[in-house]
Amino acid sequence: MTLTVVVPSLNDAQMLRHCLAALAAQTRPADEVLVVDNGSVDDTVRVAREWGARVVSEPRRGVLRATAAGFDAARCTVIGRLDADSRPAPDWAARVVQRFADDPTLDALTSNGHFYGGGPIRRFVGRHLYIRGYLFIFRAVLARMPLFGSNLALRRATWQEIRPRVHVEDPRAHDDLEISLALGPDAGVDYDPGLRVGVSVRPLYSWRAFLRRAAWAFHQIAVHLREVSWPRRVIGCARGRRDRRRRQRMLGVRAEA
């Protein structure tokens, strides 16, 4: 079981430096770190290469486009996804690899994030409204746990399977939610609270940016619900969970919460 970690970056060299330092300090290093330069004019590429990362260029702006370019270029059996401002705990990579090695029915893994920077009020709002609100609302809409873009992983084979269903060319695509929606109803998706990543509080400094991302999220929901209705999604995901539990029992895999 091998791990590629993909980190999209746009003019984020300083944050990227901390992220790559945290990846270099992992108890089980990633087999490949891949930085996707999304048209940066700062030192993003130089910083990536200083830390030994492979650089992929995606000049077309957009987080989903950059993420897809990184996932397409990944060489390992599992693909992890962090943002440039993510700071993974030292056991993050080891935990990701172990979870996929232990459970052949697992297709995607995610968790939340703890905010750093800013004041206590912004961090409280970020944790309880921004992240928990996202997970709560879209878990109901998707009929299963959505992926959180700053802290997720999926099998490379799973990405290759869903790649044709991902609306990469949509300029309003919400990257993590788009990937969550593209996963089939039978996909095994787990939430692991032990998968710890620090994320910057900076998204909460701009209400305009926050509202724009929220609008993109609901746009993505509308796009996918035109393709698969919500009742069909709920029924399909329920059937998928039952089938997965049956496969786990047959394989002797302990089901995670």
C-alpha atoms as a PDB file:
ATOM      1  CA  MET A   1       0.000   0.000   0.000  1.00  0.00           C
ATOM      2  CA  THR A   2       1.603   3.274  -1.145  1.00  0.00           C
ATOM      3  CA  LEU A   3       0.540   6.901  -0.674  1.00  0.00           C
ATOM      4  CA  THR A   4       0.651   9.995  -2.876  1.00  0.00           C
ATOM      5  CA  VAL A   5      -0.274  13.261  -1.139  1.00  0.00           C
ATOM      6  CA  VAL A   6      -1.649  15.919  -3.491  1.00  0.00           C
ATOM      7  CA  VAL A   7      -1.458  19.592  -2.469  1.00  0.00           C
ATOM      8  CA  PRO A   8      -2.962  22.194  -4.840  1.00  0.00           C
ATOM      9  CA  SER A   9      -1.409  25.651  -4.435  1.00  0.00           C
ATOM     10  CA  LEU A  10      -2.057  29.100  -5.886  1.00  0.00           C
ATOM     11  CA  ASN A  11       0.308  31.834  -4.694  1.00  0.00           C
ATOM     12  CA  ASP A  12       0.557  30.166  -1.298  1.00  0.00           C
ATOM     13  CA  ALA A  13       4.286  29.579  -0.912  1.00  0.00           C
ATOM     14  CA  GLN A  14       4.513  30.484   2.782  1.00  0.00           C
ATOM     15  CA  MET A  15       1.630  28.255   3.849  1.00  0.00           C
ATOM     16  CA  LEU A  16       2.875  25.521   1.531  1.00  0.00           C
ATOM     17  CA  ARG A  17       6.258  25.541   3.265  1.00  0.00           C
ATOM     18  CA  HIS A  18       4.607  24.667   6.607  1.00  0.00           C
ATOM     19  CA  CYS A  19       2.445  21.965   5.011  1.00  0.00           C
ATOM     20  CA  LEU A  20       5.443  20.296   3.363  1.00  0.00           C
ATOM     21  CA  ALA A  21       7.437  20.523   6.586  1.00  0.00           C
ATOM     22  CA  ALA A  22       4.609  18.701   8.385  1.00  0.00           C
ATOM     23  CA  LEU A  23       4.589  16.032   5.669  1.00  0.00           C
ATOM     24  CA  ALA A  24       8.364  15.637   5.990  1.00  0.00           C
ATOM     25  CA  ALA A  25       7.915  15.003   9.740  1.00  0.00           C
ATOM     26  CA  GLN A  26       5.444  12.116   9.327  1.00  0.00           C
ATOM     27  CA  THR A  27       6.097   8.908  11.253  1.00  0.00           C
ATOM     28  CA  ARG A  28       5.375   7.070   8.002  1.00  0.00           C
ATOM     29  CA  PRO A  29       6.448   9.357   5.134  1.00  0.00           C
ATOM     30  CA  ALA A  30       4.315   9.606   2.016  1.00  0.00           C
ATOM     31  CA  ASP A  31       5.775   7.704  -0.927  1.00  0.00           C
ATOM     32  CA  GLU A  32       5.148  10.718  -3.143  1.00  0.00           C
ATOM     33  CA  VAL A  33       4.265  14.352  -2.457  1.00  0.00           C
ATOM     34  CA  LEU A  34       2.783  16.122  -5.441  1.00  0.00           C
ATOM     35  CA  VAL A  35       2.232  19.896  -5.505  1.00  0.00           C
ATOM     36  CA  VAL A  36      -0.098  21.206  -8.203  1.00  0.00           C
ATOM     37  CA  ASP A  37       0.878  24.714  -9.229  1.00  0.00           C
ATOM     38  CA  ASN A  38      -2.377  26.398 -10.266  1.00  0.00           C
ATOM     39  CA  GLY A  39      -0.754  29.334 -12.067  1.00  0.00           C
ATOM     40  CA  SER A  40       1.223  30.835  -9.178  1.00  0.00           C
ATOM     41  CA  VAL A  41       3.430  33.886  -9.605  1.00  0.00           C
ATOM     42  CA  ASP A  42       5.098  33.562  -6.187  1.00  0.00           C
ATOM     43  CA  ASP A  43       7.660  31.001  -4.957  1.00  0.00           C
ATOM     44  CA  THR A  44       5.249  28.037  -4.882  1.00  0.00           C
ATOM     45  CA  VAL A  45       7.250  25.951  -7.383  1.00  0.00           C
ATOM     46  CA  ARG A  46      10.603  26.711  -5.765  1.00  0.00           C
ATOM     47  CA  VAL A  47       9.310  25.864  -2.280  1.00  0.00           C
ATOM     48  CA  ALA A  48       7.785  22.611  -3.539  1.00  0.00           C
ATOM     49  CA  ARG A  49      11.041  21.514  -5.128  1.00  0.00           C
ATOM     50  CA  GLU A  50      13.089  22.524  -2.081  1.00  0.00           C
ATOM     51  CA  TRP A  51      11.040  20.044  -0.037  1.00  0.00           C
ATOM     52  CA  GLY A  52      11.406  17.290  -2.640  1.00  0.00           C
ATOM     53  CA  ALA A  53       7.848  17.409  -3.991  1.00  0.00           C
ATOM     54  CA  ARG A  54       7.008  16.598  -7.578  1.00  0.00           C
ATOM     55  CA  VAL A  55       5.409  19.587  -9.302  1.00  0.00           C
ATOM     56  CA  VAL A  56       2.508  19.326 -11.727  1.00  0.00           C
ATOM     57  CA  SER A  57       1.340  22.436 -13.562  1.00  0.00           C
ATOM     58  CA  GLU A  58      -2.364  23.192 -14.046  1.00  0.00           C
ATOM     59  CA  PRO A  59      -2.521  26.741 -15.461  1.00  0.00           C
ATOM     60  CA  ARG A  60      -6.327  26.789 -15.656  1.00  0.00           C
ATOM     61  CA  ARG A  61      -7.440  28.344 -12.382  1.00  0.00           C
ATOM     62  CA  GLY A  62      -9.755  26.422 -10.095  1.00  0.00           C
ATOM     63  CA  VAL A  63      -9.295  24.158  -7.074  1.00  0.00           C
ATOM     64  CA  LEU A  64     -11.178  21.263  -8.672  1.00  0.00           C
ATOM     65  CA  ARG A  65      -9.084  21.489 -11.831  1.00  0.00           C
ATOM     66  CA  ALA A  66      -5.892  21.535  -9.762  1.00  0.00           C
ATOM     67  CA  THR A  67      -7.078  18.647  -7.598  1.00  0.00           C
ATOM     68  CA  ALA A  68      -8.050  16.575 -10.644  1.00  0.00           C
ATOM     69  CA  ALA A  69      -4.680  17.253 -12.287  1.00  0.00           C
ATOM     70  CA  GLY A  70      -2.916  16.032  -9.157  1.00  0.00           C
ATOM     71  CA  PHE A  71      -5.097  12.951  -8.792  1.00  0.00           C
ATOM     72  CA  ASP A  72      -4.604  12.113 -12.487  1.00  0.00           C
ATOM     73  CA  ALA A  73      -0.819  12.334 -12.067  1.00  0.00           C
ATOM     74  CA  ALA A  74      -0.622  10.365  -8.794  1.00  0.00           C
ATOM     75  CA  ARG A  75       1.329   7.111  -9.003  1.00  0.00           C
ATOM     76  CA  CYS A  76       0.451   5.389  -5.717  1.00  0.00           C
ATOM     77  CA  THR A  77      -2.421   3.115  -4.712  1.00  0.00           C
ATOM     78  CA  VAL A  78      -3.885   5.660  -2.262  1.00  0.00           C
ATOM     79  CA  ILE A  79      -4.193   9.410  -2.877  1.00  0.00           C
ATOM     80  CA  GLY A  80      -4.277  11.819   0.052  1.00  0.00           C
ATOM     81  CA  ARG A  81      -5.496  15.387  -0.387  1.00  0.00           C
ATOM     82  CA  LEU A  82      -4.449  18.402   1.671  1.00  0.00           C
ATOM     83  CA  ASP A  83      -4.609  22.145   1.088  1.00  0.00           C
ATOM     84  CA  ALA A  84      -1.526  24.350   1.101  1.00  0.00           C
ATOM     85  CA  ASP A  85      -2.550  25.654   4.524  1.00  0.00           C
ATOM     86  CA  SER A  86      -3.131  22.152   5.952  1.00  0.00           C
ATOM     87  CA  ARG A  87      -0.849  20.964   8.736  1.00  0.00           C
ATOM     88  CA  PRO A  88      -1.277  17.211   9.201  1.00  0.00           C
ATOM     89  CA  ALA A  89      -0.526  15.560  12.528  1.00  0.00           C
ATOM     90  CA  PRO A  90       2.650  13.408  12.551  1.00  0.00           C
ATOM     91  CA  ASP A  91       0.648  10.155  12.286  1.00  0.00           C
ATOM     92  CA  TRP A  92      -1.639  11.368   9.474  1.00  0.00           C
ATOM     93  CA  ALA A  93      -0.010   9.465   6.595  1.00  0.00           C
ATOM     94  CA  ALA A  94       0.457   6.300   8.661  1.00  0.00           C
ATOM     95  CA  ARG A  95      -3.186   6.350   9.714  1.00  0.00           C
ATOM     96  CA  VAL A  96      -4.393   6.849   6.135  1.00  0.00           C
ATOM     97  CA  VAL A  97      -2.339   3.944   4.815  1.00  0.00           C
ATOM     98  CA  GLN A  98      -3.321   1.653   7.702  1.00  0.00           C
ATOM     99  CA  ARG A  99      -7.032   2.327   7.284  1.00  0.00           C
ATOM    100  CA  PHE A 100      -6.969   1.407   3.599  1.00  0.00           C
ATOM    101  CA  ALA A 101      -4.730  -1.620   4.200  1.00  0.00           C
ATOM    102  CA  ASP A 102      -7.065  -2.917   6.923  1.00  0.00           C
ATOM    103  CA  ASP A 103     -10.311  -2.535   4.977  1.00  0.00           C
ATOM    104  CA  PRO A 104     -10.520  -3.535   1.288  1.00  0.00           C
ATOM    105  CA  THR A 105     -14.098  -2.149   1.199  1.00  0.00           C
ATOM    106  CA  LEU A 106     -12.910   1.388   2.009  1.00  0.00           C
ATOM    107  CA  ASP A 107     -12.939   3.710  -1.020  1.00  0.00           C
ATOM    108  CA  ALA A 108     -12.611   7.155   0.586  1.00  0.00           C
ATOM    109  CA  LEU A 109     -11.654   8.477   4.014  1.00  0.00           C
ATOM    110  CA  THR A 110     -12.148  11.915   5.546  1.00  0.00           C
ATOM    111  CA  SER A 111     -12.311  13.871   8.779  1.00  0.00           C
ATOM    112  CA  ASN A 112     -12.702  17.471   9.880  1.00  0.00           C
ATOM    113  CA  GLY A 113      -9.993  20.002  10.754  1.00  0.00           C
ATOM    114  CA  HIS A 114      -9.010  22.150  13.718  1.00  0.00           C
ATOM    115  CA  PHE A 115      -8.433  25.822  12.983  1.00  0.00           C
ATOM    116  CA  TYR A 116      -5.244  27.699  13.780  1.00  0.00           C
ATOM    117  CA  GLY A 117      -4.599  31.446  13.598  1.00  0.00           C
ATOM    118  CA  GLY A 118      -7.136  34.210  14.176  1.00  0.00           C
ATOM    119  CA  GLY A 119      -8.898  34.685  17.489  1.00  0.00           C
ATOM    120  CA  PRO A 120     -10.915  32.253  19.600  1.00  0.00           C
ATOM    121  CA  ILE A 121     -14.247  33.494  18.232  1.00  0.00           C
ATOM    122  CA  ARG A 122     -13.252  32.841  14.604  1.00  0.00           C
ATOM    123  CA  ARG A 123     -11.872  29.426  15.545  1.00  0.00           C
ATOM    124  CA  PHE A 124     -15.119  28.592  17.385  1.00  0.00           C
ATOM    125  CA  VAL A 125     -17.226  29.691  14.402  1.00  0.00           C
ATOM    126  CA  GLY A 126     -14.955  27.772  12.048  1.00  0.00           C
ATOM    127  CA  ARG A 127     -15.139  24.535  14.002  1.00  0.00           C
ATOM    128  CA  HIS A 128     -18.807  24.533  14.972  1.00  0.00           C
ATOM    129  CA  LEU A 129     -20.486  26.340  12.084  1.00  0.00           C
ATOM    130  CA  TYR A 130     -18.146  26.206   9.096  1.00  0.00           C
ATOM    131  CA  ILE A 131     -16.885  22.613   9.272  1.00  0.00           C
ATOM    132  CA  ARG A 132     -19.541  20.892  11.404  1.00  0.00           C
ATOM    133  CA  GLY A 133     -22.271  22.772   9.543  1.00  0.00           C
ATOM    134  CA  TYR A 134     -20.854  21.610   6.212  1.00  0.00           C
ATOM    135  CA  LEU A 135     -20.652  17.989   7.379  1.00  0.00           C
ATOM    136  CA  PHE A 136     -24.122  18.027   8.958  1.00  0.00           C
ATOM    137  CA  ILE A 137     -25.996  19.697   6.081  1.00  0.00           C
ATOM    138  CA  PHE A 138     -24.375  17.819   3.253  1.00  0.00           C
ATOM    139  CA  ARG A 139     -24.459  14.480   5.035  1.00  0.00           C
ATOM    140  CA  ALA A 140     -28.242  14.825   4.882  1.00  0.00           C
ATOM    141  CA  VAL A 141     -28.176  15.889   1.230  1.00  0.00           C
ATOM    142  CA  LEU A 142     -25.724  13.199   0.106  1.00  0.00           C
ATOM    143  CA  ALA A 143     -27.223  10.477   2.349  1.00  0.00           C
ATOM    144  CA  ARG A 144     -23.695   9.803   3.649  1.00  0.00           C
ATOM    145  CA  MET A 145     -20.680  11.677   4.977  1.00  0.00           C
ATOM    146  CA  PRO A 146     -19.251  14.274   2.546  1.00  0.00           C
ATOM    147  CA  LEU A 147     -15.505  14.573   2.018  1.00  0.00           C
ATOM    148  CA  PHE A 148     -13.659  17.535   3.521  1.00  0.00           C
ATOM    149  CA  GLY A 149     -11.119  18.808   0.991  1.00  0.00           C
ATOM    150  CA  SER A 150      -8.423  19.777   3.495  1.00  0.00           C
ATOM    151  CA  ASN A 151      -8.331  16.264   4.939  1.00  0.00           C
ATOM    152  CA  LEU A 152      -9.277  13.358   2.693  1.00  0.00           C
ATOM    153  CA  ALA A 153      -7.924  10.290   0.940  1.00  0.00           C
ATOM    154  CA  LEU A 154      -9.223   7.837  -1.626  1.00  0.00           C
ATOM    155  CA  ARG A 155      -7.990   4.860  -3.575  1.00  0.00           C
ATOM    156  CA  ARG A 156      -6.424   5.679  -6.921  1.00  0.00           C
ATOM    157  CA  ALA A 157      -8.644   3.016  -8.516  1.00  0.00           C
ATOM    158  CA  THR A 158     -11.701   4.770  -7.049  1.00  0.00           C
ATOM    159  CA  TRP A 159     -10.602   8.091  -8.554  1.00  0.00           C
ATOM    160  CA  GLN A 160     -10.089   6.482 -11.951  1.00  0.00           C
ATOM    161  CA  GLU A 161     -13.575   5.003 -11.753  1.00  0.00           C
ATOM    162  CA  ILE A 162     -15.344   8.259 -10.878  1.00  0.00           C
ATOM    163  CA  ARG A 163     -13.158  10.574 -12.999  1.00  0.00           C
ATOM    164  CA  PRO A 164     -15.605  10.641 -15.971  1.00  0.00           C
ATOM    165  CA  ARG A 165     -18.405  11.779 -13.623  1.00  0.00           C
ATOM    166  CA  VAL A 166     -16.476  14.736 -12.165  1.00  0.00           C
ATOM    167  CA  HIS A 167     -17.514  18.114 -13.649  1.00  0.00           C
ATOM    168  CA  VAL A 168     -13.968  19.443 -13.943  1.00  0.00           C
ATOM    169  CA  GLU A 169     -14.895  22.094 -16.504  1.00  0.00           C
ATOM    170  CA  ASP A 170     -17.617  23.652 -14.341  1.00  0.00           C
ATOM    171  CA  PRO A 171     -16.170  27.015 -13.148  1.00  0.00           C
ATOM    172  CA  ARG A 172     -18.419  26.943 -10.064  1.00  0.00           C
ATOM    173  CA  ALA A 173     -17.497  23.413  -9.028  1.00  0.00           C
ATOM    174  CA  HIS A 174     -16.983  22.967  -5.295  1.00  0.00           C
ATOM    175  CA  ASP A 175     -14.048  20.538  -5.289  1.00  0.00           C
ATOM    176  CA  ASP A 176     -14.585  18.302  -2.251  1.00  0.00           C
ATOM    177  CA  LEU A 177     -18.354  18.238  -2.625  1.00  0.00           C
ATOM    178  CA  GLU A 178     -18.064  17.458  -6.335  1.00  0.00           C
ATOM    179  CA  ILE A 179     -15.892  14.421  -5.587  1.00  0.00           C
ATOM    180  CA  SER A 180     -18.290  13.376  -2.810  1.00  0.00           C
ATOM    181  CA  LEU A 181     -21.222  13.502  -5.238  1.00  0.00           C
ATOM    182  CA  ALA A 182     -19.354  11.647  -7.973  1.00  0.00           C
ATOM    183  CA  LEU A 183     -18.755   8.631  -5.712  1.00  0.00           C
ATOM    184  CA  GLY A 184     -21.220   5.851  -6.468  1.00  0.00           C
ATOM    185  CA  PRO A 185     -23.883   4.777  -3.942  1.00  0.00           C
ATOM    186  CA  ASP A 186     -21.949   1.590  -3.224  1.00  0.00           C
ATOM    187  CA  ALA A 187     -18.725   3.451  -2.362  1.00  0.00           C
ATOM    188  CA  GLY A 188     -17.307   2.804   1.088  1.00  0.00           C
ATOM    189  CA  VAL A 189     -16.786   6.212   2.741  1.00  0.00           C
ATOM    190  CA  ASP A 190     -15.598   6.511   6.357  1.00  0.00           C
ATOM    191  CA  TYR A 191     -15.160   9.441   8.732  1.00  0.00           C
ATOM    192  CA  ASP A 192     -12.158   9.047  11.040  1.00  0.00           C
ATOM    193  CA  PRO A 193     -11.964  11.576  13.930  1.00  0.00           C
ATOM    194  CA  GLY A 194      -8.404  10.450  14.584  1.00  0.00           C
ATOM    195  CA  LEU A 195      -7.261  11.818  11.225  1.00  0.00           C
ATOM    196  CA  ARG A 196      -6.063  15.180  12.529  1.00  0.00           C
ATOM    197  CA  VAL A 197      -5.207  18.187  10.357  1.00  0.00           C
ATOM    198  CA  GLY A 198      -4.816  21.855  11.255  1.00  0.00           C
ATOM    199  CA  VAL A 199      -6.353  24.329   8.798  1.00  0.00           C
ATOM    200  CA  SER A 200      -5.991  28.090   8.591  1.00  0.00           C
ATOM    201  CA  VAL A 201      -8.831  30.271   9.817  1.00  0.00           C
ATOM    202  CA  ARG A 202      -8.339  32.610   6.839  1.00  0.00           C
ATOM    203  CA  PRO A 203     -11.491  31.454   4.920  1.00  0.00           C
ATOM    204  CA  LEU A 204     -13.505  33.162   7.667  1.00  0.00           C
ATOM    205  CA  TYR A 205     -11.903  36.571   7.114  1.00  0.00           C
ATOM    206  CA  SER A 206     -14.011  37.191   4.003  1.00  0.00           C
ATOM    207  CA  TRP A 207     -17.779  36.757   4.150  1.00  0.00           C
ATOM    208  CA  ARG A 208     -17.923  37.312   0.392  1.00  0.00           C
ATOM    209  CA  ALA A 209     -15.607  34.349  -0.231  1.00  0.00           C
ATOM    210  CA  PHE A 210     -17.527  32.238   2.293  1.00  0.00           C
ATOM    211  CA  LEU A 211     -20.874  32.989   0.623  1.00  0.00           C
ATOM    212  CA  ARG A 212     -19.393  32.336  -2.804  1.00  0.00           C
ATOM    213  CA  ARG A 213     -18.240  28.873  -1.738  1.00  0.00           C
ATOM    214  CA  ALA A 214     -21.654  28.183  -0.211  1.00  0.00           C
ATOM    215  CA  ALA A 215     -23.309  29.175  -3.493  1.00  0.00           C
ATOM    216  CA  TRP A 216     -20.959  26.861  -5.386  1.00  0.00           C
ATOM    217  CA  ALA A 217     -21.848  24.015  -3.023  1.00  0.00           C
ATOM    218  CA  PHE A 218     -25.576  24.339  -3.630  1.00  0.00           C
ATOM    219  CA  HIS A 219     -24.907  24.733  -7.351  1.00  0.00           C
ATOM    220  CA  GLN A 220     -23.117  21.364  -7.293  1.00  0.00           C
ATOM    221  CA  ILE A 221     -26.010  19.768  -5.445  1.00  0.00           C
ATOM    222  CA  ALA A 222     -28.434  21.036  -8.096  1.00  0.00           C
ATOM    223  CA  VAL A 223     -26.240  19.732 -10.926  1.00  0.00           C
ATOM    224  CA  HIS A 224     -26.012  16.246  -9.456  1.00  0.00           C
ATOM    225  CA  LEU A 225     -29.633  16.013  -8.367  1.00  0.00           C
ATOM    226  CA  ARG A 226     -30.618  16.599 -11.982  1.00  0.00           C
ATOM    227  CA  GLU A 227     -28.578  13.509 -12.814  1.00  0.00           C
ATOM    228  CA  VAL A 228     -29.622  11.334  -9.842  1.00  0.00           C
ATOM    229  CA  SER A 229     -32.661  12.334  -7.776  1.00  0.00           C
ATOM    230  CA  TRP A 230     -32.378  12.629  -3.997  1.00  0.00           C
ATOM    231  CA  PRO A 231     -34.724   9.664  -3.273  1.00  0.00           C
ATOM    232  CA  ARG A 232     -32.694   7.453  -5.624  1.00  0.00           C
ATOM    233  CA  ARG A 233     -29.493   8.615  -3.925  1.00  0.00           C
ATOM    234  CA  VAL A 234     -30.859   7.873  -0.438  1.00  0.00           C
ATOM    235  CA  ILE A 235     -32.063   4.404  -1.458  1.00  0.00           C
ATOM    236  CA  GLY A 236     -28.830   3.643  -3.331  1.00  0.00           C
ATOM    237  CA  CYS A 237     -26.594   4.724  -0.465  1.00  0.00           C
ATOM    238  CA  ALA A 238     -28.618   2.706   2.079  1.00  0.00           C
ATOM    239  CA  ARG A 239     -28.311  -0.367  -0.124  1.00  0.00           C
ATOM    240  CA  GLY A 240     -24.606   0.334  -0.589  1.00  0.00           C
ATOM    241  CA  ARG A 241     -24.023   0.493   3.175  1.00  0.00           C
ATOM    242  CA  ARG A 242     -25.814  -2.839   3.681  1.00  0.00           C
ATOM    243  CA  ASP A 243     -23.773  -4.464   0.934  1.00  0.00           C
ATOM    244  CA  ARG A 244     -20.568  -3.067   2.361  1.00  0.00           C
ATOM    245  CA  ARG A 245     -21.318  -4.391   5.868  1.00  0.00           C
ATOM    246  CA  ARG A 246     -21.955  -7.813   4.345  1.00  0.00           C
ATOM    247  CA  ARG A 247     -18.621  -7.718   2.510  1.00  0.00           C
ATOM    248  CA  GLN A 248     -16.845  -6.592   5.683  1.00  0.00           C
ATOM    249  CA  ARG A 249     -18.299  -9.543   7.606  1.00  0.00           C
ATOM    250  CA  MET A 250     -17.211 -11.955   4.864  1.00  0.00           C
ATOM    251  CA  LEU A 251     -13.682 -10.484   4.929  1.00  0.00           C
ATOM    252  CA  GLY A 252     -13.512 -10.351   8.730  1.00  0.00           C
ATOM    253  CA  VAL A 253     -13.121  -6.570   8.695  1.00  0.00           C
ATOM    254  CA  ARG A 254     -14.193  -4.630  11.773  1.00  0.00           C
ATOM    255  CA  ALA A 255     -16.646  -1.935  10.718  1.00  0.00           C
ATOM    256  CA  GLU A 256     -15.605   1.588  11.748  1.00  0.00           C
ATOM    257  CA  ALA A 257     -18.004   4.271  12.969  1.00  0.00           C
END
